[in-house]
Amino acid sequence: MKPWTVMLLLAFFYLVGAAGCTTPVKPTEPVKKNPAPPVKDETLVELYFGTPGAYLRSEQRSLPGAFLKSTVPYQAEALIKELLKGSMAQGDTVEVLPNGVRLLKIEYVKEQKSLVVTFSAEFANAQGSAGELLAVYSVVNTLVQLDGVDKVSLRIEGGEMGHMDMLDDLTFNRELVQ
């Protein structure tokens, strides 16, 4: 045998022997290869959007956890902004808030547990009496879920809606929810 082969065999036996002489290691918990992502600080809310059958359907949406720590007017503004973004459901819903509508003002009357919400004049452009009803209750049903809010009054810049003249002290309308 050649000297380098002998040296290689000796090194091999030495390493194998040394590996068997270690102190036993206490078993540890298995390492997770794909740990779960950290739970985000989020709040689920319900938004109400129109359906092709002239009803409202709720859609859940996540908002930052700070949402719950904010004031009622800020919460209401955040929900209306989400409504104005439109539904995330493809084909299941129809837009009920008219194009171009803007939120102008929100007032909270704590003693009455009431919100007074003022929209731009475009809000009155909802199509027909059913369209107006869905637009109004899309907002109302979404806002009355807030703690401290039992009723909502709507105001429209420069006037009224065509078919609806009573927009004060509105509460959740279950009959419209599908």
N, C-alpha and C. Protein backbone atom coordinates (compact mmCIF):
# COMPACT_ATOMS: atom_id res chain seq x y z
N MET A 1 0.82 -1.17 0.00
CA MET A 1 0.00 0.00 0.00
C MET A 1 0.87 1.25 0.00
N LYS A 2 0.40 2.23 -0.65
CA LYS A 2 1.16 3.47 -0.76
C LYS A 2 0.99 4.27 0.53
N PRO A 3 1.96 5.06 0.90
CA PRO A 3 1.90 5.79 2.16
C PRO A 3 0.72 6.79 2.22
N TRP A 4 0.37 7.43 1.17
CA TRP A 4 -0.73 8.41 1.22
C TRP A 4 -2.07 7.71 1.43
N THR A 5 -2.22 6.46 0.95
CA THR A 5 -3.45 5.70 1.15
C THR A 5 -3.57 5.33 2.63
N VAL A 6 -2.45 4.93 3.24
CA VAL A 6 -2.46 4.58 4.65
C VAL A 6 -2.82 5.80 5.48
N MET A 7 -2.26 6.93 5.15
CA MET A 7 -2.56 8.15 5.88
C MET A 7 -4.04 8.52 5.75
N LEU A 8 -4.59 8.34 4.59
CA LEU A 8 -6.00 8.65 4.36
C LEU A 8 -6.89 7.73 5.18
N LEU A 9 -6.57 6.44 5.23
CA LEU A 9 -7.35 5.49 6.02
C LEU A 9 -7.24 5.80 7.52
N LEU A 10 -6.05 6.13 7.98
CA LEU A 10 -5.88 6.47 9.39
C LEU A 10 -6.70 7.71 9.76
N ALA A 11 -6.68 8.70 8.90
CA ALA A 11 -7.45 9.92 9.15
C ALA A 11 -8.95 9.61 9.19
N PHE A 12 -9.39 8.74 8.28
CA PHE A 12 -10.80 8.36 8.23
C PHE A 12 -11.21 7.68 9.54
N PHE A 13 -10.43 6.67 9.98
CA PHE A 13 -10.75 5.94 11.21
C PHE A 13 -10.70 6.85 12.43
N TYR A 14 -9.76 7.77 12.43
CA TYR A 14 -9.65 8.71 13.55
C TYR A 14 -10.90 9.57 13.65
N LEU A 15 -11.38 10.11 12.51
CA LEU A 15 -12.57 10.97 12.49
C LEU A 15 -13.83 10.18 12.88
N VAL A 16 -13.96 8.96 12.40
CA VAL A 16 -15.12 8.14 12.72
C VAL A 16 -15.12 7.81 14.22
N GLY A 17 -13.96 7.48 14.76
CA GLY A 17 -13.85 7.15 16.18
C GLY A 17 -14.12 8.36 17.05
N ALA A 18 -13.63 9.50 16.66
CA ALA A 18 -13.83 10.71 17.45
C ALA A 18 -15.30 11.14 17.45
N ALA A 19 -16.00 10.90 16.38
CA ALA A 19 -17.40 11.29 16.29
C ALA A 19 -18.25 10.49 17.27
N GLY A 20 -17.88 9.25 17.56
CA GLY A 20 -18.64 8.42 18.48
C GLY A 20 -18.34 8.70 19.93
N CYS A 21 -17.38 9.54 20.27
CA CYS A 21 -16.97 9.79 21.65
C CYS A 21 -17.50 11.11 22.20
N THR A 22 -18.52 11.64 21.62
CA THR A 22 -19.03 12.91 22.11
C THR A 22 -20.02 12.69 23.24
N THR A 23 -20.24 13.70 24.04
CA THR A 23 -21.21 13.66 25.12
C THR A 23 -22.60 13.73 24.52
N PRO A 24 -23.53 12.89 25.01
CA PRO A 24 -24.88 12.94 24.43
C PRO A 24 -25.49 14.33 24.62
N VAL A 25 -26.16 14.78 23.60
CA VAL A 25 -26.80 16.10 23.61
C VAL A 25 -28.27 15.92 23.94
N LYS A 26 -28.74 16.78 24.80
CA LYS A 26 -30.16 16.75 25.18
C LYS A 26 -30.99 17.15 23.96
N PRO A 27 -32.03 16.36 23.63
CA PRO A 27 -32.83 16.72 22.45
C PRO A 27 -33.52 18.07 22.64
N THR A 28 -33.56 18.83 21.58
CA THR A 28 -34.21 20.13 21.60
C THR A 28 -35.47 20.08 20.76
N GLU A 29 -36.27 21.13 20.87
CA GLU A 29 -37.48 21.20 20.06
C GLU A 29 -37.08 21.34 18.60
N PRO A 30 -37.84 20.72 17.71
CA PRO A 30 -37.51 20.84 16.29
C PRO A 30 -37.58 22.29 15.83
N VAL A 31 -36.72 22.62 14.92
CA VAL A 31 -36.69 23.97 14.36
C VAL A 31 -37.80 24.08 13.32
N LYS A 32 -38.59 25.13 13.44
CA LYS A 32 -39.67 25.35 12.48
C LYS A 32 -39.07 25.97 11.23
N LYS A 33 -39.34 25.33 10.12
CA LYS A 33 -38.79 25.84 8.86
C LYS A 33 -39.56 27.05 8.37
N ASN A 34 -40.86 27.06 8.54
CA ASN A 34 -41.70 28.17 8.09
C ASN A 34 -42.53 28.68 9.26
N PRO A 35 -41.95 29.47 10.12
CA PRO A 35 -42.74 29.95 11.26
C PRO A 35 -43.90 30.81 10.78
N ALA A 36 -45.00 30.77 11.53
CA ALA A 36 -46.18 31.56 11.18
C ALA A 36 -45.83 33.04 11.27
N PRO A 37 -46.36 33.82 10.36
CA PRO A 37 -46.09 35.27 10.43
C PRO A 37 -46.70 35.84 11.69
N PRO A 38 -46.13 36.91 12.21
CA PRO A 38 -46.70 37.51 13.42
C PRO A 38 -48.11 38.02 13.15
N VAL A 39 -48.95 37.93 14.16
CA VAL A 39 -50.32 38.41 14.02
C VAL A 39 -50.30 39.93 13.94
N LYS A 40 -50.93 40.43 12.91
CA LYS A 40 -50.97 41.88 12.73
C LYS A 40 -52.06 42.46 13.61
N ASP A 41 -51.88 43.68 13.97
CA ASP A 41 -52.85 44.39 14.78
C ASP A 41 -53.92 44.95 13.83
N GLU A 42 -54.97 44.16 13.61
CA GLU A 42 -56.02 44.55 12.67
C GLU A 42 -57.39 44.39 13.29
N THR A 43 -58.36 45.09 12.73
CA THR A 43 -59.75 45.01 13.15
C THR A 43 -60.60 44.68 11.93
N LEU A 44 -61.49 43.72 12.08
CA LEU A 44 -62.41 43.39 10.99
C LEU A 44 -63.67 44.23 11.13
N VAL A 45 -64.09 44.82 10.02
CA VAL A 45 -65.32 45.61 9.99
C VAL A 45 -66.22 45.08 8.88
N GLU A 46 -67.49 45.41 8.97
CA GLU A 46 -68.47 45.02 7.95
C GLU A 46 -68.84 46.26 7.14
N LEU A 47 -68.73 46.14 5.83
CA LEU A 47 -69.18 47.21 4.93
C LEU A 47 -70.35 46.67 4.13
N TYR A 48 -71.28 47.51 3.77
CA TYR A 48 -72.46 47.06 3.04
C TYR A 48 -72.47 47.64 1.63
N PHE A 49 -72.55 46.73 0.66
CA PHE A 49 -72.55 47.10 -0.75
C PHE A 49 -73.82 46.54 -1.41
N GLY A 50 -74.23 47.15 -2.51
CA GLY A 50 -75.43 46.72 -3.22
C GLY A 50 -75.21 45.43 -4.00
N THR A 51 -76.32 44.72 -4.24
CA THR A 51 -76.30 43.51 -5.06
C THR A 51 -77.13 43.77 -6.32
N PRO A 52 -76.96 42.95 -7.35
CA PRO A 52 -77.78 43.12 -8.55
C PRO A 52 -79.28 42.99 -8.28
N GLY A 53 -79.67 42.29 -7.21
CA GLY A 53 -81.08 42.11 -6.87
C GLY A 53 -81.65 43.21 -6.00
N ALA A 54 -80.95 44.34 -5.87
CA ALA A 54 -81.40 45.50 -5.08
C ALA A 54 -81.46 45.21 -3.59
N TYR A 55 -80.46 44.50 -3.10
CA TYR A 55 -80.28 44.28 -1.66
C TYR A 55 -78.90 44.78 -1.28
N LEU A 56 -78.60 44.69 0.01
CA LEU A 56 -77.26 44.98 0.49
C LEU A 56 -76.61 43.68 0.96
N ARG A 57 -75.33 43.57 0.73
CA ARG A 57 -74.57 42.41 1.19
C ARG A 57 -73.36 42.92 1.96
N SER A 58 -73.09 42.28 3.10
CA SER A 58 -71.94 42.72 3.90
C SER A 58 -70.66 42.11 3.34
N GLU A 59 -69.61 42.85 3.52
CA GLU A 59 -68.27 42.42 3.10
C GLU A 59 -67.31 42.80 4.22
N GLN A 60 -66.53 41.83 4.68
CA GLN A 60 -65.57 42.12 5.74
C GLN A 60 -64.32 42.74 5.14
N ARG A 61 -63.77 43.66 5.91
CA ARG A 61 -62.53 44.31 5.50
C ARG A 61 -61.69 44.54 6.74
N SER A 62 -60.38 44.43 6.60
CA SER A 62 -59.45 44.65 7.72
C SER A 62 -59.00 46.11 7.74
N LEU A 63 -59.03 46.68 8.92
CA LEU A 63 -58.50 48.02 9.12
C LEU A 63 -57.43 47.94 10.19
N PRO A 64 -56.49 48.86 10.21
CA PRO A 64 -55.43 48.83 11.22
C PRO A 64 -56.01 48.83 12.64
N GLY A 65 -55.33 48.17 13.55
CA GLY A 65 -55.79 48.07 14.93
C GLY A 65 -56.00 49.42 15.59
N ALA A 66 -55.28 50.43 15.14
CA ALA A 66 -55.43 51.78 15.71
C ALA A 66 -56.84 52.32 15.45
N PHE A 67 -57.54 51.72 14.50
CA PHE A 67 -58.91 52.13 14.19
C PHE A 67 -59.78 52.14 15.44
N LEU A 68 -59.70 51.09 16.26
CA LEU A 68 -60.53 51.00 17.46
C LEU A 68 -60.14 51.99 18.54
N LYS A 69 -58.90 52.46 18.49
CA LYS A 69 -58.41 53.38 19.51
C LYS A 69 -58.71 54.83 19.15
N SER A 70 -59.30 55.05 17.99
CA SER A 70 -59.55 56.42 17.54
C SER A 70 -60.96 56.88 17.93
N THR A 71 -61.25 58.13 17.65
CA THR A 71 -62.55 58.72 17.98
C THR A 71 -63.63 58.19 17.04
N VAL A 72 -64.87 58.31 17.45
CA VAL A 72 -66.00 57.85 16.63
C VAL A 72 -66.03 58.57 15.27
N PRO A 73 -65.87 59.89 15.21
CA PRO A 73 -65.85 60.53 13.89
C PRO A 73 -64.73 60.01 12.98
N TYR A 74 -63.55 59.74 13.56
CA TYR A 74 -62.46 59.20 12.74
C TYR A 74 -62.81 57.80 12.25
N GLN A 75 -63.41 56.97 13.11
CA GLN A 75 -63.82 55.63 12.70
C GLN A 75 -64.84 55.72 11.58
N ALA A 76 -65.81 56.62 11.73
CA ALA A 76 -66.84 56.79 10.70
C ALA A 76 -66.21 57.22 9.38
N GLU A 77 -65.27 58.15 9.45
CA GLU A 77 -64.59 58.60 8.22
C GLU A 77 -63.84 57.44 7.56
N ALA A 78 -63.17 56.62 8.35
CA ALA A 78 -62.43 55.47 7.81
C ALA A 78 -63.38 54.49 7.12
N LEU A 79 -64.54 54.24 7.72
CA LEU A 79 -65.50 53.31 7.11
C LEU A 79 -66.07 53.88 5.81
N ILE A 80 -66.37 55.17 5.79
CA ILE A 80 -66.91 55.77 4.57
C ILE A 80 -65.86 55.75 3.46
N LYS A 81 -64.61 56.00 3.81
CA LYS A 81 -63.54 55.93 2.80
C LYS A 81 -63.46 54.53 2.21
N GLU A 82 -63.65 53.52 3.05
CA GLU A 82 -63.64 52.14 2.55
C GLU A 82 -64.84 51.89 1.63
N LEU A 83 -66.01 52.42 2.00
CA LEU A 83 -67.18 52.29 1.13
C LEU A 83 -66.92 52.94 -0.23
N LEU A 84 -66.29 54.11 -0.20
CA LEU A 84 -66.03 54.83 -1.45
C LEU A 84 -65.02 54.10 -2.35
N LYS A 85 -64.17 53.26 -1.75
CA LYS A 85 -63.24 52.44 -2.55
C LYS A 85 -64.00 51.39 -3.35
N GLY A 86 -65.17 51.01 -2.87
CA GLY A 86 -65.97 50.00 -3.55
C GLY A 86 -65.71 48.61 -3.01
N SER A 87 -66.51 47.69 -3.50
CA SER A 87 -66.44 46.30 -3.06
C SER A 87 -65.22 45.60 -3.66
N MET A 88 -64.70 44.63 -2.91
CA MET A 88 -63.60 43.80 -3.41
C MET A 88 -64.14 42.55 -4.10
N ALA A 89 -65.44 42.27 -3.95
CA ALA A 89 -66.06 41.09 -4.57
C ALA A 89 -66.23 41.36 -6.06
N GLN A 90 -65.81 40.42 -6.86
CA GLN A 90 -65.91 40.57 -8.31
C GLN A 90 -67.27 40.09 -8.80
N GLY A 91 -68.09 40.98 -9.35
CA GLY A 91 -69.35 40.60 -9.97
C GLY A 91 -70.50 40.35 -9.02
N ASP A 92 -70.25 40.23 -7.72
CA ASP A 92 -71.32 39.97 -6.76
C ASP A 92 -72.02 41.23 -6.28
N THR A 93 -71.42 42.36 -6.51
CA THR A 93 -71.97 43.60 -5.98
C THR A 93 -72.06 44.66 -7.07
N VAL A 94 -72.86 45.67 -6.77
CA VAL A 94 -72.97 46.83 -7.67
C VAL A 94 -72.65 48.07 -6.86
N GLU A 95 -72.14 49.07 -7.52
CA GLU A 95 -71.83 50.33 -6.84
C GLU A 95 -73.13 51.04 -6.52
N VAL A 96 -73.28 51.45 -5.28
CA VAL A 96 -74.50 52.18 -4.91
C VAL A 96 -74.21 53.64 -4.57
N LEU A 97 -72.97 53.95 -4.24
CA LEU A 97 -72.62 55.34 -4.01
C LEU A 97 -72.26 55.96 -5.36
N PRO A 98 -72.91 57.06 -5.71
CA PRO A 98 -72.69 57.67 -7.03
C PRO A 98 -71.24 58.10 -7.24
N ASN A 99 -70.81 58.07 -8.50
CA ASN A 99 -69.46 58.52 -8.85
C ASN A 99 -69.25 59.96 -8.42
N GLY A 100 -68.07 60.23 -7.92
CA GLY A 100 -67.69 61.58 -7.56
C GLY A 100 -68.14 62.05 -6.19
N VAL A 101 -68.93 61.23 -5.47
CA VAL A 101 -69.41 61.65 -4.16
C VAL A 101 -68.23 61.78 -3.20
N ARG A 102 -68.30 62.83 -2.36
CA ARG A 102 -67.23 63.09 -1.38
C ARG A 102 -67.84 63.26 0.00
N LEU A 103 -67.12 62.82 0.98
CA LEU A 103 -67.50 63.05 2.36
C LEU A 103 -67.06 64.47 2.72
N LEU A 104 -67.99 65.28 3.22
CA LEU A 104 -67.66 66.66 3.56
C LEU A 104 -67.49 66.88 5.06
N LYS A 105 -68.34 66.22 5.86
CA LYS A 105 -68.31 66.52 7.29
C LYS A 105 -68.96 65.38 8.07
N ILE A 106 -68.43 65.15 9.27
CA ILE A 106 -69.03 64.18 10.19
C ILE A 106 -69.12 64.84 11.56
N GLU A 107 -70.32 64.79 12.14
CA GLU A 107 -70.52 65.29 13.50
C GLU A 107 -71.02 64.13 14.35
N TYR A 108 -70.48 64.03 15.55
CA TYR A 108 -70.90 62.98 16.48
C TYR A 108 -71.57 63.63 17.68
N VAL A 109 -72.82 63.23 17.95
CA VAL A 109 -73.56 63.73 19.10
C VAL A 109 -73.61 62.58 20.10
N LYS A 110 -72.64 62.59 21.01
CA LYS A 110 -72.46 61.47 21.93
C LYS A 110 -73.69 61.20 22.77
N GLU A 111 -74.34 62.24 23.28
CA GLU A 111 -75.50 62.07 24.15
C GLU A 111 -76.65 61.35 23.44
N GLN A 112 -76.74 61.53 22.14
CA GLN A 112 -77.82 60.90 21.36
C GLN A 112 -77.35 59.65 20.63
N LYS A 113 -76.06 59.33 20.78
CA LYS A 113 -75.46 58.19 20.07
C LYS A 113 -75.76 58.28 18.57
N SER A 114 -75.51 59.48 18.04
CA SER A 114 -75.90 59.77 16.66
C SER A 114 -74.76 60.39 15.87
N LEU A 115 -74.70 60.02 14.60
CA LEU A 115 -73.78 60.65 13.65
C LEU A 115 -74.58 61.46 12.65
N VAL A 116 -74.08 62.63 12.31
CA VAL A 116 -74.64 63.43 11.23
C VAL A 116 -73.54 63.51 10.17
N VAL A 117 -73.83 62.95 9.01
CA VAL A 117 -72.84 62.82 7.94
C VAL A 117 -73.28 63.67 6.76
N THR A 118 -72.39 64.53 6.29
CA THR A 118 -72.69 65.40 5.16
C THR A 118 -71.85 64.97 3.95
N PHE A 119 -72.55 64.72 2.84
CA PHE A 119 -71.91 64.34 1.58
C PHE A 119 -72.03 65.46 0.57
N SER A 120 -71.20 65.40 -0.46
CA SER A 120 -71.29 66.36 -1.56
C SER A 120 -72.58 66.14 -2.34
N ALA A 121 -72.93 67.10 -3.18
CA ALA A 121 -74.18 67.06 -3.94
C ALA A 121 -74.30 65.82 -4.82
N GLU A 122 -73.18 65.21 -5.21
CA GLU A 122 -73.21 64.02 -6.07
C GLU A 122 -73.97 62.85 -5.43
N PHE A 123 -74.07 62.86 -4.09
CA PHE A 123 -74.79 61.78 -3.41
C PHE A 123 -76.23 61.68 -3.91
N ALA A 124 -76.81 62.82 -4.30
CA ALA A 124 -78.19 62.85 -4.79
C ALA A 124 -78.32 62.25 -6.19
N ASN A 125 -77.21 61.86 -6.82
CA ASN A 125 -77.26 61.30 -8.17
C ASN A 125 -77.50 59.80 -8.21
N ALA A 126 -77.85 59.20 -7.08
CA ALA A 126 -78.15 57.77 -7.07
C ALA A 126 -79.31 57.52 -8.03
N GLN A 127 -79.28 56.39 -8.72
CA GLN A 127 -80.26 56.11 -9.77
C GLN A 127 -81.57 55.54 -9.22
N GLY A 128 -82.65 56.31 -9.33
CA GLY A 128 -83.98 55.85 -8.95
C GLY A 128 -84.17 55.71 -7.45
N SER A 129 -85.39 55.38 -7.06
CA SER A 129 -85.70 55.28 -5.64
C SER A 129 -84.97 54.10 -5.00
N ALA A 130 -84.84 52.98 -5.70
CA ALA A 130 -84.11 51.83 -5.15
C ALA A 130 -82.64 52.17 -4.99
N GLY A 131 -82.08 52.88 -5.96
CA GLY A 131 -80.67 53.28 -5.88
C GLY A 131 -80.42 54.21 -4.71
N GLU A 132 -81.35 55.15 -4.49
CA GLU A 132 -81.22 56.06 -3.36
C GLU A 132 -81.30 55.31 -2.03
N LEU A 133 -82.24 54.38 -1.94
CA LEU A 133 -82.42 53.60 -0.73
C LEU A 133 -81.16 52.79 -0.42
N LEU A 134 -80.59 52.16 -1.43
CA LEU A 134 -79.37 51.37 -1.22
C LEU A 134 -78.18 52.25 -0.87
N ALA A 135 -78.07 53.41 -1.50
CA ALA A 135 -76.96 54.31 -1.18
C ALA A 135 -77.05 54.77 0.28
N VAL A 136 -78.24 55.16 0.70
CA VAL A 136 -78.43 55.64 2.07
C VAL A 136 -78.12 54.53 3.07
N TYR A 137 -78.69 53.35 2.86
CA TYR A 137 -78.52 52.29 3.86
C TYR A 137 -77.18 51.57 3.74
N SER A 138 -76.48 51.73 2.65
CA SER A 138 -75.10 51.26 2.59
C SER A 138 -74.28 52.01 3.63
N VAL A 139 -74.50 53.31 3.70
CA VAL A 139 -73.80 54.15 4.67
C VAL A 139 -74.31 53.89 6.09
N VAL A 140 -75.62 53.91 6.27
CA VAL A 140 -76.21 53.76 7.61
C VAL A 140 -75.85 52.41 8.21
N ASN A 141 -76.09 51.32 7.48
CA ASN A 141 -75.81 49.98 8.02
C ASN A 141 -74.34 49.81 8.34
N THR A 142 -73.47 50.45 7.59
CA THR A 142 -72.03 50.37 7.86
C THR A 142 -71.68 51.14 9.12
N LEU A 143 -72.25 52.31 9.31
CA LEU A 143 -71.86 53.18 10.44
C LEU A 143 -72.45 52.77 11.79
N VAL A 144 -73.64 52.18 11.81
CA VAL A 144 -74.25 51.87 13.11
C VAL A 144 -73.57 50.70 13.81
N GLN A 145 -72.61 50.06 13.17
CA GLN A 145 -71.86 49.00 13.85
C GLN A 145 -70.83 49.57 14.83
N LEU A 146 -70.58 50.86 14.74
CA LEU A 146 -69.60 51.48 15.62
C LEU A 146 -70.14 51.55 17.05
N ASP A 147 -69.27 51.29 18.02
CA ASP A 147 -69.67 51.44 19.42
C ASP A 147 -70.04 52.90 19.67
N GLY A 148 -71.18 53.11 20.29
CA GLY A 148 -71.61 54.47 20.59
C GLY A 148 -72.44 55.10 19.50
N VAL A 149 -72.79 54.33 18.44
CA VAL A 149 -73.62 54.88 17.36
C VAL A 149 -74.85 54.00 17.19
N ASP A 150 -76.03 54.58 17.41
CA ASP A 150 -77.30 53.87 17.23
C ASP A 150 -78.06 54.36 16.01
N LYS A 151 -77.78 55.61 15.60
CA LYS A 151 -78.54 56.17 14.48
C LYS A 151 -77.66 57.13 13.69
N VAL A 152 -78.06 57.32 12.43
CA VAL A 152 -77.30 58.17 11.51
C VAL A 152 -78.27 59.10 10.78
N SER A 153 -77.88 60.36 10.66
CA SER A 153 -78.62 61.33 9.84
C SER A 153 -77.71 61.74 8.70
N LEU A 154 -78.28 61.82 7.51
CA LEU A 154 -77.50 62.19 6.32
C LEU A 154 -77.90 63.57 5.85
N ARG A 155 -76.90 64.33 5.42
CA ARG A 155 -77.11 65.64 4.83
C ARG A 155 -76.42 65.65 3.47
N ILE A 156 -77.01 66.38 2.55
CA ILE A 156 -76.45 66.47 1.21
C ILE A 156 -76.22 67.94 0.89
N GLU A 157 -75.02 68.23 0.46
CA GLU A 157 -74.64 69.61 0.13
C GLU A 157 -75.64 70.18 -0.88
N GLY A 158 -76.23 71.27 -0.51
CA GLY A 158 -77.10 71.98 -1.44
C GLY A 158 -78.49 71.42 -1.62
N GLY A 159 -78.94 70.50 -0.80
CA GLY A 159 -80.32 70.05 -0.98
C GLY A 159 -80.64 68.67 -0.47
N GLU A 160 -81.61 68.06 -1.18
CA GLU A 160 -82.16 66.77 -0.77
C GLU A 160 -81.97 65.76 -1.88
N MET A 161 -82.31 64.52 -1.54
CA MET A 161 -82.35 63.47 -2.55
C MET A 161 -83.72 63.51 -3.21
N GLY A 162 -83.79 63.00 -4.42
CA GLY A 162 -85.04 63.05 -5.17
C GLY A 162 -86.21 62.34 -4.54
N HIS A 163 -86.06 61.07 -4.14
CA HIS A 163 -87.19 60.29 -3.65
C HIS A 163 -87.23 60.14 -2.13
N MET A 164 -86.17 60.50 -1.47
CA MET A 164 -86.12 60.33 -0.02
C MET A 164 -86.03 61.68 0.65
N ASP A 165 -86.98 61.96 1.51
CA ASP A 165 -86.94 63.25 2.20
C ASP A 165 -86.68 63.10 3.69
N MET A 166 -86.77 61.91 4.22
CA MET A 166 -86.53 61.67 5.64
C MET A 166 -85.18 60.98 5.81
N LEU A 167 -84.16 61.75 6.08
CA LEU A 167 -82.81 61.20 6.23
C LEU A 167 -82.28 61.41 7.64
N ASP A 168 -83.19 61.53 8.62
CA ASP A 168 -82.79 61.75 10.01
C ASP A 168 -83.02 60.51 10.84
N ASP A 169 -82.13 60.29 11.79
CA ASP A 169 -82.25 59.22 12.78
C ASP A 169 -82.52 57.85 12.16
N LEU A 170 -81.75 57.50 11.15
CA LEU A 170 -81.90 56.21 10.50
C LEU A 170 -81.13 55.15 11.28
N THR A 171 -81.71 53.95 11.35
CA THR A 171 -81.07 52.84 12.06
C THR A 171 -80.85 51.69 11.08
N PHE A 172 -80.20 50.65 11.57
CA PHE A 172 -79.88 49.48 10.73
C PHE A 172 -81.15 48.94 10.08
N ASN A 173 -81.08 48.68 8.77
CA ASN A 173 -82.22 48.16 8.03
C ASN A 173 -81.94 46.72 7.65
N ARG A 174 -82.49 45.77 8.42
CA ARG A 174 -82.27 44.34 8.17
C ARG A 174 -82.99 43.85 6.92
N GLU A 175 -84.10 44.50 6.57
CA GLU A 175 -84.88 44.06 5.42
C GLU A 175 -84.12 44.17 4.10
N LEU A 176 -83.16 45.06 4.05
CA LEU A 176 -82.38 45.25 2.82
C LEU A 176 -81.17 44.31 2.73
N VAL A 177 -80.83 43.63 3.82
CA VAL A 177 -79.62 42.81 3.84
C VAL A 177 -79.93 41.41 3.35
N GLN A 178 -79.16 40.98 2.40
CA GLN A 178 -79.32 39.65 1.81
C GLN A 178 -78.47 38.64 2.54
